[in-house]
Each structure stands twice: as structure tokens, then as C-alpha cells.
Amino acid sequence: LDVVNEPFDLDQGTSLQENTWYRVFGPD
């Protein structure tokens, strides 16, 4: 199972996308 899909930004960088899961639970 893909428990996390495409966590990083769309510009091929290394920053996490600040999606709903990030906003609710934080960067971890």
C-alpha cells in the first residue's frame, strides 16, 4: 500500500507539500 503518495513539491524540490495531512498533523 502507498501510505503516502508524492509528499514533495511539484517542482522537483525537497520541500513537503503542505496538504491537508500536513496542515492537520504537521510535517511528521
PDB file of all heavy atoms in Angstrom:
ATOM      1  N   LEU A   1       0.836  -1.190   0.000  1.00  0.00           N
ATOM      2  CA  LEU A   1       0.000   0.000   0.000  1.00  0.00           C
ATOM      3  C   LEU A   1       0.877   1.248   0.000  1.00  0.00           C
ATOM      4  O   LEU A   1       1.851   1.330   0.759  1.00  0.00           O
ATOM      5  CB  LEU A   1      -0.881  -0.001   1.253  1.00  0.00           C
ATOM      6  CG  LEU A   1      -1.737   1.224   1.553  1.00  0.00           C
ATOM      7  CD1 LEU A   1      -2.791   1.432   0.473  1.00  0.00           C
ATOM      8  CD2 LEU A   1      -2.402   1.081   2.924  1.00  0.00           C
ATOM      9  N   ASP A   2       0.526   2.210  -0.852  1.00  0.00           N
ATOM     10  CA  ASP A   2       1.141   3.532  -0.787  1.00  0.00           C
ATOM     11  C   ASP A   2       0.483   4.291   0.356  1.00  0.00           C
ATOM     12  O   ASP A   2      -0.636   4.812   0.204  1.00  0.00           O
ATOM     13  CB  ASP A   2       0.947   4.298  -2.100  1.00  0.00           C
ATOM     14  CG  ASP A   2       1.759   3.723  -3.243  1.00  0.00           C
ATOM     15  OD1 ASP A   2       2.826   3.157  -2.976  1.00  0.00           O
ATOM     16  OD2 ASP A   2       1.315   3.847  -4.402  1.00  0.00           O
ATOM     17  N   VAL A   3       1.160   4.356   1.498  1.00  0.00           N
ATOM     18  CA  VAL A   3       0.569   5.069   2.635  1.00  0.00           C
ATOM     19  C   VAL A   3       0.727   6.573   2.472  1.00  0.00           C
ATOM     20  O   VAL A   3      -0.072   7.354   2.996  1.00  0.00           O
ATOM     21  CB  VAL A   3       1.162   4.585   3.971  1.00  0.00           C
ATOM     22  CG1 VAL A   3       0.866   3.107   4.170  1.00  0.00           C
ATOM     23  CG2 VAL A   3       2.656   4.833   4.056  1.00  0.00           C
ATOM     24  N   VAL A   4       1.764   7.008   1.758  1.00  0.00           N
ATOM     25  CA  VAL A   4       1.953   8.419   1.415  1.00  0.00           C
ATOM     26  C   VAL A   4       2.333   8.470  -0.058  1.00  0.00           C
ATOM     27  O   VAL A   4       3.227   7.751  -0.504  1.00  0.00           O
ATOM     28  CB  VAL A   4       3.053   9.078   2.270  1.00  0.00           C
ATOM     29  CG1 VAL A   4       3.259  10.528   1.836  1.00  0.00           C
ATOM     30  CG2 VAL A   4       2.703   9.017   3.760  1.00  0.00           C
ATOM     31  N   ASN A   5       1.665   9.337  -0.794  1.00  0.00           N
ATOM     32  CA  ASN A   5       1.919   9.459  -2.230  1.00  0.00           C
ATOM     33  C   ASN A   5       2.361  10.877  -2.563  1.00  0.00           C
ATOM     34  O   ASN A   5       1.697  11.848  -2.193  1.00  0.00           O
ATOM     35  CB  ASN A   5       0.646   9.126  -3.017  1.00  0.00           C
ATOM     36  CG  ASN A   5       0.908   9.026  -4.503  1.00  0.00           C
ATOM     37  OD1 ASN A   5       1.802   8.303  -4.938  1.00  0.00           O
ATOM     38  ND2 ASN A   5       0.131   9.748  -5.303  1.00  0.00           N
ATOM     39  N   GLU A   6       3.500  10.985  -3.228  1.00  0.00           N
ATOM     40  CA  GLU A   6       4.027  12.256  -3.721  1.00  0.00           C
ATOM     41  C   GLU A   6       4.069  13.330  -2.631  1.00  0.00           C
ATOM     42  O   GLU A   6       3.422  14.370  -2.735  1.00  0.00           O
ATOM     43  CB  GLU A   6       3.214  12.722  -4.930  1.00  0.00           C
ATOM     44  CG  GLU A   6       3.285  11.730  -6.088  1.00  0.00           C
ATOM     45  CD  GLU A   6       2.419  12.125  -7.281  1.00  0.00           C
ATOM     46  OE1 GLU A   6       1.806  13.207  -7.245  1.00  0.00           O
ATOM     47  OE2 GLU A   6       2.349  11.335  -8.241  1.00  0.00           O
ATOM     48  N   PRO A   7       4.842  13.077  -1.574  1.00  0.00           N
ATOM     49  CA  PRO A   7       4.887  14.054  -0.478  1.00  0.00           C
ATOM     50  C   PRO A   7       5.596  15.352  -0.827  1.00  0.00           C
ATOM     51  O   PRO A   7       5.320  16.391  -0.216  1.00  0.00           O
ATOM     52  CB  PRO A   7       5.644  13.307   0.625  1.00  0.00           C
ATOM     53  CG  PRO A   7       6.474  12.295  -0.114  1.00  0.00           C
ATOM     54  CD  PRO A   7       5.633  11.868  -1.283  1.00  0.00           C
ATOM     55  N   PHE A   8       6.521  15.326  -1.805  1.00  0.00           N
ATOM     56  CA  PHE A   8       7.338  16.512  -2.069  1.00  0.00           C
ATOM     57  C   PHE A   8       6.697  17.436  -3.104  1.00  0.00           C
ATOM     58  O   PHE A   8       5.783  17.054  -3.834  1.00  0.00           O
ATOM     59  CB  PHE A   8       8.741  16.096  -2.495  1.00  0.00           C
ATOM     60  CG  PHE A   8       9.493  15.370  -1.415  1.00  0.00           C
ATOM     61  CD1 PHE A   8       9.931  14.061  -1.595  1.00  0.00           C
ATOM     62  CD2 PHE A   8       9.749  15.977  -0.189  1.00  0.00           C
ATOM     63  CE1 PHE A   8      10.606  13.388  -0.601  1.00  0.00           C
ATOM     64  CE2 PHE A   8      10.430  15.308   0.815  1.00  0.00           C
ATOM     65  CZ  PHE A   8      10.855  14.001   0.618  1.00  0.00           C
ATOM     66  N   ASP A   9       7.227  18.644  -3.166  1.00  0.00           N
ATOM     67  CA  ASP A   9       6.633  19.685  -4.005  1.00  0.00           C
ATOM     68  C   ASP A   9       6.631  19.292  -5.481  1.00  0.00           C
ATOM     69  O   ASP A   9       7.341  18.378  -5.916  1.00  0.00           O
ATOM     70  CB  ASP A   9       7.340  21.023  -3.802  1.00  0.00           C
ATOM     71  CG  ASP A   9       8.805  20.988  -4.249  1.00  0.00           C
ATOM     72  OD1 ASP A   9       9.056  20.780  -5.440  1.00  0.00           O
ATOM     73  OD2 ASP A   9       9.688  21.169  -3.387  1.00  0.00           O
ATOM     74  N   LEU A  10       5.847  20.007  -6.250  1.00  0.00           N
ATOM     75  CA  LEU A  10       5.636  19.673  -7.659  1.00  0.00           C
ATOM     76  C   LEU A  10       6.753  20.163  -8.567  1.00  0.00           C
ATOM     77  O   LEU A  10       6.751  19.856  -9.758  1.00  0.00           O
ATOM     78  CB  LEU A  10       4.294  20.251  -8.131  1.00  0.00           C
ATOM     79  CG  LEU A  10       3.054  19.777  -7.362  1.00  0.00           C
ATOM     80  CD1 LEU A  10       1.807  20.441  -7.919  1.00  0.00           C
ATOM     81  CD2 LEU A  10       2.927  18.261  -7.416  1.00  0.00           C
ATOM     82  N   ASP A  11       7.700  20.914  -8.025  1.00  0.00           N
ATOM     83  CA  ASP A  11       8.777  21.479  -8.829  1.00  0.00           C
ATOM     84  C   ASP A  11      10.075  20.688  -8.704  1.00  0.00           C
ATOM     85  O   ASP A  11      11.163  21.235  -8.906  1.00  0.00           O
ATOM     86  CB  ASP A  11       9.011  22.937  -8.422  1.00  0.00           C
ATOM     87  CG  ASP A  11       7.810  23.812  -8.714  1.00  0.00           C
ATOM     88  OD1 ASP A  11       7.155  23.587  -9.745  1.00  0.00           O
ATOM     89  OD2 ASP A  11       7.503  24.702  -7.900  1.00  0.00           O
ATOM     90  N   GLN A  12       9.941  19.416  -8.348  1.00  0.00           N
ATOM     91  CA  GLN A  12      11.105  18.525  -8.219  1.00  0.00           C
ATOM     92  C   GLN A  12      12.060  19.002  -7.129  1.00  0.00           C
ATOM     93  O   GLN A  12      13.264  18.754  -7.194  1.00  0.00           O
ATOM     94  CB  GLN A  12      11.835  18.387  -9.566  1.00  0.00           C
ATOM     95  CG  GLN A  12      10.996  17.731 -10.636  1.00  0.00           C
ATOM     96  CD  GLN A  12      10.534  16.335 -10.237  1.00  0.00           C
ATOM     97  OE1 GLN A  12      11.335  15.461  -9.938  1.00  0.00           O
ATOM     98  NE2 GLN A  12       9.229  16.114 -10.214  1.00  0.00           N
ATOM     99  N   GLY A  13      11.511  19.662  -6.115  1.00  0.00           N
ATOM    100  CA  GLY A  13      12.313  20.087  -4.976  1.00  0.00           C
ATOM    101  C   GLY A  13      12.257  19.084  -3.844  1.00  0.00           C
ATOM    102  O   GLY A  13      11.912  17.924  -4.028  1.00  0.00           O
ATOM    103  N   THR A  14      12.577  19.561  -2.655  1.00  0.00           N
ATOM    104  CA  THR A  14      12.663  18.656  -1.498  1.00  0.00           C
ATOM    105  C   THR A  14      11.780  19.116  -0.344  1.00  0.00           C
ATOM    106  O   THR A  14      11.884  18.584   0.762  1.00  0.00           O
ATOM    107  CB  THR A  14      14.113  18.558  -1.013  1.00  0.00           C
ATOM    108  OG1 THR A  14      14.584  19.860  -0.637  1.00  0.00           O
ATOM    109  CG2 THR A  14      15.011  17.984  -2.103  1.00  0.00           C
ATOM    110  N   SER A  15      10.916  20.087  -0.582  1.00  0.00           N
ATOM    111  CA  SER A  15      10.007  20.556   0.464  1.00  0.00           C
ATOM    112  C   SER A  15       8.717  19.756   0.422  1.00  0.00           C
ATOM    113  O   SER A  15       8.210  19.411  -0.649  1.00  0.00           O
ATOM    114  CB  SER A  15       9.677  22.041   0.261  1.00  0.00           C
ATOM    115  OG  SER A  15      10.848  22.833   0.316  1.00  0.00           O
ATOM    116  N   LEU A  16       8.165  19.471   1.597  1.00  0.00           N
ATOM    117  CA  LEU A  16       6.898  18.754   1.664  1.00  0.00           C
ATOM    118  C   LEU A  16       5.761  19.642   1.178  1.00  0.00           C
ATOM    119  O   LEU A  16       5.720  20.844   1.468  1.00  0.00           O
ATOM    120  CB  LEU A  16       6.607  18.310   3.098  1.00  0.00           C
ATOM    121  CG  LEU A  16       7.495  17.216   3.688  1.00  0.00           C
ATOM    122  CD1 LEU A  16       7.153  16.996   5.155  1.00  0.00           C
ATOM    123  CD2 LEU A  16       7.346  15.917   2.912  1.00  0.00           C
ATOM    124  N   GLN A  17       4.834  19.047   0.442  1.00  0.00           N
ATOM    125  CA  GLN A  17       3.620  19.764   0.093  1.00  0.00           C
ATOM    126  C   GLN A  17       2.794  19.976   1.367  1.00  0.00           C
ATOM    127  O   GLN A  17       2.593  19.047   2.143  1.00  0.00           O
ATOM    128  CB  GLN A  17       2.788  18.981  -0.919  1.00  0.00           C
ATOM    129  CG  GLN A  17       3.459  18.810  -2.268  1.00  0.00           C
ATOM    130  CD  GLN A  17       2.489  18.308  -3.308  1.00  0.00           C
ATOM    131  OE1 GLN A  17       1.497  18.957  -3.616  1.00  0.00           O
ATOM    132  NE2 GLN A  17       2.778  17.136  -3.870  1.00  0.00           N
ATOM    133  N   GLU A  18       2.309  21.179   1.537  1.00  0.00           N
ATOM    134  CA  GLU A  18       1.531  21.485   2.746  1.00  0.00           C
ATOM    135  C   GLU A  18       0.047  21.204   2.485  1.00  0.00           C
ATOM    136  O   GLU A  18      -0.794  22.097   2.420  1.00  0.00           O
ATOM    137  CB  GLU A  18       1.783  22.926   3.189  1.00  0.00           C
ATOM    138  CG  GLU A  18       3.242  23.147   3.594  1.00  0.00           C
ATOM    139  CD  GLU A  18       3.506  24.521   4.179  1.00  0.00           C
ATOM    140  OE1 GLU A  18       2.530  25.228   4.509  1.00  0.00           O
ATOM    141  OE2 GLU A  18       4.693  24.889   4.292  1.00  0.00           O
ATOM    142  N   ASN A  19      -0.247  19.911   2.346  1.00  0.00           N
ATOM    143  CA  ASN A  19      -1.601  19.469   2.048  1.00  0.00           C
ATOM    144  C   ASN A  19      -2.417  19.324   3.336  1.00  0.00           C
ATOM    145  O   ASN A  19      -1.973  19.710   4.428  1.00  0.00           O
ATOM    146  CB  ASN A  19      -1.559  18.156   1.265  1.00  0.00           C
ATOM    147  CG  ASN A  19      -0.814  17.054   2.015  1.00  0.00           C
ATOM    148  OD1 ASN A  19      -0.716  17.069   3.251  1.00  0.00           O
ATOM    149  ND2 ASN A  19      -0.279  16.099   1.291  1.00  0.00           N
ATOM    150  N   THR A  20      -3.611  18.757   3.215  1.00  0.00           N
ATOM    151  CA  THR A  20      -4.478  18.594   4.379  1.00  0.00           C
ATOM    152  C   THR A  20      -3.800  17.791   5.480  1.00  0.00           C
ATOM    153  O   THR A  20      -3.889  18.146   6.667  1.00  0.00           O
ATOM    154  CB  THR A  20      -5.788  17.917   3.959  1.00  0.00           C
ATOM    155  OG1 THR A  20      -6.506  18.791   3.076  1.00  0.00           O
ATOM    156  CG2 THR A  20      -6.659  17.611   5.167  1.00  0.00           C
ATOM    157  N   TRP A  21      -3.133  16.716   5.128  1.00  0.00           N
ATOM    158  CA  TRP A  21      -2.485  15.871   6.120  1.00  0.00           C
ATOM    159  C   TRP A  21      -1.388  16.643   6.845  1.00  0.00           C
ATOM    160  O   TRP A  21      -1.222  16.517   8.069  1.00  0.00           O
ATOM    161  CB  TRP A  21      -1.914  14.617   5.452  1.00  0.00           C
ATOM    162  CG  TRP A  21      -2.964  13.770   4.813  1.00  0.00           C
ATOM    163  CD1 TRP A  21      -3.500  13.925   3.555  1.00  0.00           C
ATOM    164  CD2 TRP A  21      -3.653  12.669   5.398  1.00  0.00           C
ATOM    165  NE1 TRP A  21      -4.452  12.972   3.319  1.00  0.00           N
ATOM    166  CE2 TRP A  21      -4.571  12.186   4.423  1.00  0.00           C
ATOM    167  CE3 TRP A  21      -3.573  12.021   6.632  1.00  0.00           C
ATOM    168  CZ2 TRP A  21      -5.408  11.100   4.671  1.00  0.00           C
ATOM    169  CZ3 TRP A  21      -4.398  10.938   6.877  1.00  0.00           C
ATOM    170  CH2 TRP A  21      -5.312  10.482   5.902  1.00  0.00           C
ATOM    171  N   TYR A  22      -0.638  17.437   6.113  1.00  0.00           N
ATOM    172  CA  TYR A  22       0.410  18.280   6.696  1.00  0.00           C
ATOM    173  C   TYR A  22      -0.209  19.324   7.620  1.00  0.00           C
ATOM    174  O   TYR A  22       0.271  19.550   8.742  1.00  0.00           O
ATOM    175  CB  TYR A  22       1.196  18.945   5.566  1.00  0.00           C
ATOM    176  CG  TYR A  22       2.365  19.807   5.994  1.00  0.00           C
ATOM    177  CD1 TYR A  22       3.672  19.359   5.858  1.00  0.00           C
ATOM    178  CD2 TYR A  22       2.160  21.097   6.510  1.00  0.00           C
ATOM    179  CE1 TYR A  22       4.748  20.161   6.227  1.00  0.00           C
ATOM    180  CE2 TYR A  22       3.219  21.896   6.879  1.00  0.00           C
ATOM    181  CZ  TYR A  22       4.513  21.424   6.738  1.00  0.00           C
ATOM    182  OH  TYR A  22       5.576  22.210   7.111  1.00  0.00           O
ATOM    183  N   ARG A  23      -1.272  19.987   7.170  1.00  0.00           N
ATOM    184  CA  ARG A  23      -1.882  21.042   7.976  1.00  0.00           C
ATOM    185  C   ARG A  23      -2.471  20.501   9.275  1.00  0.00           C
ATOM    186  O   ARG A  23      -2.445  21.173  10.311  1.00  0.00           O
ATOM    187  CB  ARG A  23      -2.981  21.745   7.169  1.00  0.00           C
ATOM    188  CG  ARG A  23      -2.458  22.592   6.024  1.00  0.00           C
ATOM    189  CD  ARG A  23      -3.562  23.430   5.395  1.00  0.00           C
ATOM    190  NE  ARG A  23      -4.584  22.623   4.730  1.00  0.00           N
ATOM    191  CZ  ARG A  23      -5.789  22.387   5.232  1.00  0.00           C
ATOM    192  NH1 ARG A  23      -6.141  22.878   6.419  1.00  0.00           N
ATOM    193  NH2 ARG A  23      -6.671  21.661   4.554  1.00  0.00           N
ATOM    194  N   VAL A  24      -2.985  19.276   9.232  1.00  0.00           N
ATOM    195  CA  VAL A  24      -3.626  18.705  10.417  1.00  0.00           C
ATOM    196  C   VAL A  24      -2.606  18.107  11.387  1.00  0.00           C
ATOM    197  O   VAL A  24      -2.678  18.325  12.601  1.00  0.00           O
ATOM    198  CB  VAL A  24      -4.662  17.645  10.006  1.00  0.00           C
ATOM    199  CG1 VAL A  24      -5.188  16.885  11.230  1.00  0.00           C
ATOM    200  CG2 VAL A  24      -5.822  18.300   9.255  1.00  0.00           C
ATOM    201  N   PHE A  25      -1.637  17.353  10.866  1.00  0.00           N
ATOM    202  CA  PHE A  25      -0.712  16.603  11.725  1.00  0.00           C
ATOM    203  C   PHE A  25       0.695  17.190  11.781  1.00  0.00           C
ATOM    204  O   PHE A  25       1.507  16.750  12.590  1.00  0.00           O
ATOM    205  CB  PHE A  25      -0.623  15.151  11.259  1.00  0.00           C
ATOM    206  CG  PHE A  25      -1.913  14.385  11.391  1.00  0.00           C
ATOM    207  CD1 PHE A  25      -2.590  13.929  10.267  1.00  0.00           C
ATOM    208  CD2 PHE A  25      -2.441  14.115  12.638  1.00  0.00           C
ATOM    209  CE1 PHE A  25      -3.770  13.215  10.385  1.00  0.00           C
ATOM    210  CE2 PHE A  25      -3.633  13.401  12.763  1.00  0.00           C
ATOM    211  CZ  PHE A  25      -4.301  12.951  11.630  1.00  0.00           C
ATOM    212  N   GLY A  26       1.008  18.139  10.900  1.00  0.00           N
ATOM    213  CA  GLY A  26       2.338  18.707  10.888  1.00  0.00           C
ATOM    214  C   GLY A  26       3.268  17.970   9.943  1.00  0.00           C
ATOM    215  O   GLY A  26       2.886  17.001   9.273  1.00  0.00           O
ATOM    216  N   PRO A  27       4.537  18.408   9.872  1.00  0.00           N
ATOM    217  CA  PRO A  27       5.474  17.849   8.892  1.00  0.00           C
ATOM    218  C   PRO A  27       5.808  16.379   9.114  1.00  0.00           C
ATOM    219  O   PRO A  27       6.333  15.741   8.191  1.00  0.00           O
ATOM    220  CB  PRO A  27       6.718  18.738   9.048  1.00  0.00           C
ATOM    221  CG  PRO A  27       6.596  19.332  10.407  1.00  0.00           C
ATOM    222  CD  PRO A  27       5.134  19.509  10.654  1.00  0.00           C
ATOM    223  N   ASP A  28       5.541  15.840  10.276  1.00  0.00           N
ATOM    224  CA  ASP A  28       5.784  14.416  10.509  1.00  0.00           C
ATOM    225  C   ASP A  28       4.519  13.576  10.290  1.00  0.00           C
ATOM    226  O   ASP A  28       4.396  12.470  10.821  1.00  0.00           O
ATOM    227  CB  ASP A  28       6.325  14.196  11.926  1.00  0.00           C
ATOM    228  CG  ASP A  28       7.769  14.657  12.071  1.00  0.00           C
ATOM    229  OD1 ASP A  28       8.556  14.448  11.119  1.00  0.00           O
ATOM    230  OD2 ASP A  28       8.108  15.234  13.119  1.00  0.00           O
TER     231      ASP A  28
END
